[in-house]
Amino acid sequence: MSEVTPTPEKRSLWVRVLLMLLMGLAFHIAVTILGALALVQLVFAAISDGPNERLQHFGRGLGVYLRHITDFVSFAREDLPFPFSDWPSTD
């Protein structure tokens, strides 16, 4: 027997436009953080035996977050990314 998943309620197009603009801003901030993370990891790799594992984990989460934003602004998904939901898990 298959379960029916509830569909999220339809929001106003103007609300979605506002949310898309906010998520676009969040995307740009996240990409800037990703660039800084890449530079820090490069320094870690040059100084030690390899990259920092905690930063690797954060980088994976950041990549999933960027995908969630991309899916939302391209209408591929309706649920809102962080900070309107939990930070994406990479487990």
Protein backbone atom coordinates (compact mmCIF):
# COMPACT_ATOMS: atom_id res chain seq x y z
CA MET A 1 0.00 0.00 0.00
CA SER A 2 1.54 3.32 -1.03
CA GLU A 3 1.46 6.35 1.20
CA VAL A 4 0.41 9.71 -0.16
CA THR A 5 2.84 12.48 0.66
CA PRO A 6 1.21 15.80 1.45
CA THR A 7 1.88 18.58 -1.02
CA PRO A 8 2.99 21.90 0.45
CA GLU A 9 0.40 24.62 0.27
CA LYS A 10 0.77 26.95 -2.68
CA ARG A 11 2.26 30.31 -1.78
CA SER A 12 1.71 33.61 -3.53
CA LEU A 13 3.97 34.26 -6.51
CA TRP A 14 5.07 37.57 -4.96
CA VAL A 15 6.05 35.82 -1.75
CA ARG A 16 8.01 33.31 -3.81
CA VAL A 17 9.77 36.15 -5.69
CA LEU A 18 10.80 37.70 -2.38
CA LEU A 19 12.00 34.33 -1.08
CA MET A 20 13.91 33.71 -4.33
CA LEU A 21 15.68 37.06 -3.96
CA LEU A 22 16.62 36.22 -0.37
CA MET A 23 17.85 32.78 -1.41
CA GLY A 24 19.85 34.37 -4.25
CA LEU A 25 21.57 36.59 -1.68
CA ALA A 26 22.19 33.55 0.54
CA PHE A 27 23.65 31.75 -2.51
CA HIS A 28 26.15 34.56 -3.13
CA ILE A 29 27.18 34.63 0.52
CA ALA A 30 27.59 30.83 0.55
CA VAL A 31 29.72 30.91 -2.61
CA THR A 32 31.96 33.55 -1.01
CA ILE A 33 32.31 31.36 2.08
CA LEU A 34 33.10 28.39 -0.18
CA GLY A 35 35.88 30.37 -1.87
CA ALA A 36 37.36 31.29 1.51
CA LEU A 37 37.05 27.66 2.62
CA ALA A 38 38.94 26.53 -0.47
CA LEU A 39 41.79 28.92 0.31
CA VAL A 40 41.96 27.81 3.95
CA GLN A 41 41.97 24.15 2.89
CA LEU A 42 44.78 24.91 0.44
CA VAL A 43 46.83 26.39 3.28
CA PHE A 44 46.06 23.38 5.49
CA ALA A 45 47.10 21.01 2.71
CA ALA A 46 50.35 22.93 2.14
CA ILE A 47 51.26 23.06 5.83
CA SER A 48 50.13 19.63 7.01
CA ASP A 49 49.65 16.21 5.46
CA GLY A 50 46.23 17.04 4.04
CA PRO A 51 43.06 19.04 4.33
CA ASN A 52 41.17 19.59 7.57
CA GLU A 53 38.43 16.94 8.03
CA ARG A 54 36.01 19.27 9.82
CA LEU A 55 36.28 21.80 7.01
CA GLN A 56 35.73 18.99 4.50
CA HIS A 57 32.52 18.05 6.29
CA PHE A 58 31.39 21.69 6.35
CA GLY A 59 32.26 22.05 2.65
CA ARG A 60 30.11 19.04 1.77
CA GLY A 61 27.22 20.53 3.74
CA LEU A 62 27.73 23.85 1.98
CA GLY A 63 27.60 22.11 -1.39
CA VAL A 64 24.31 20.40 -0.49
CA TYR A 65 22.97 23.77 0.72
CA LEU A 66 23.88 25.41 -2.58
CA ARG A 67 22.06 22.61 -4.41
CA HIS A 68 18.97 23.15 -2.24
CA ILE A 69 18.99 26.87 -3.07
CA THR A 70 19.42 26.11 -6.78
CA ASP A 71 16.53 23.65 -6.68
CA PHE A 72 14.30 26.19 -4.93
CA VAL A 73 14.99 29.14 -7.24
CA SER A 74 14.61 26.94 -10.33
CA PHE A 75 11.20 25.68 -9.09
CA ALA A 76 12.52 22.11 -8.80
CA ARG A 77 11.43 21.98 -5.15
CA GLU A 78 8.99 23.90 -3.00
CA ASP A 79 10.49 23.46 0.46
CA LEU A 80 12.66 26.33 1.58
CA PRO A 81 16.38 25.85 2.29
CA PHE A 82 18.17 26.91 5.48
CA PRO A 83 17.46 29.17 7.48
CA PHE A 84 13.80 28.27 6.89
CA SER A 85 14.60 24.58 7.45
CA ASP A 86 17.40 22.56 9.04
CA TRP A 87 20.96 22.70 7.74
CA PRO A 88 21.37 19.86 5.19
CA SER A 89 22.87 16.66 6.50
CA THR A 90 25.77 15.05 4.67
CA ASP A 91 25.54 11.66 6.40
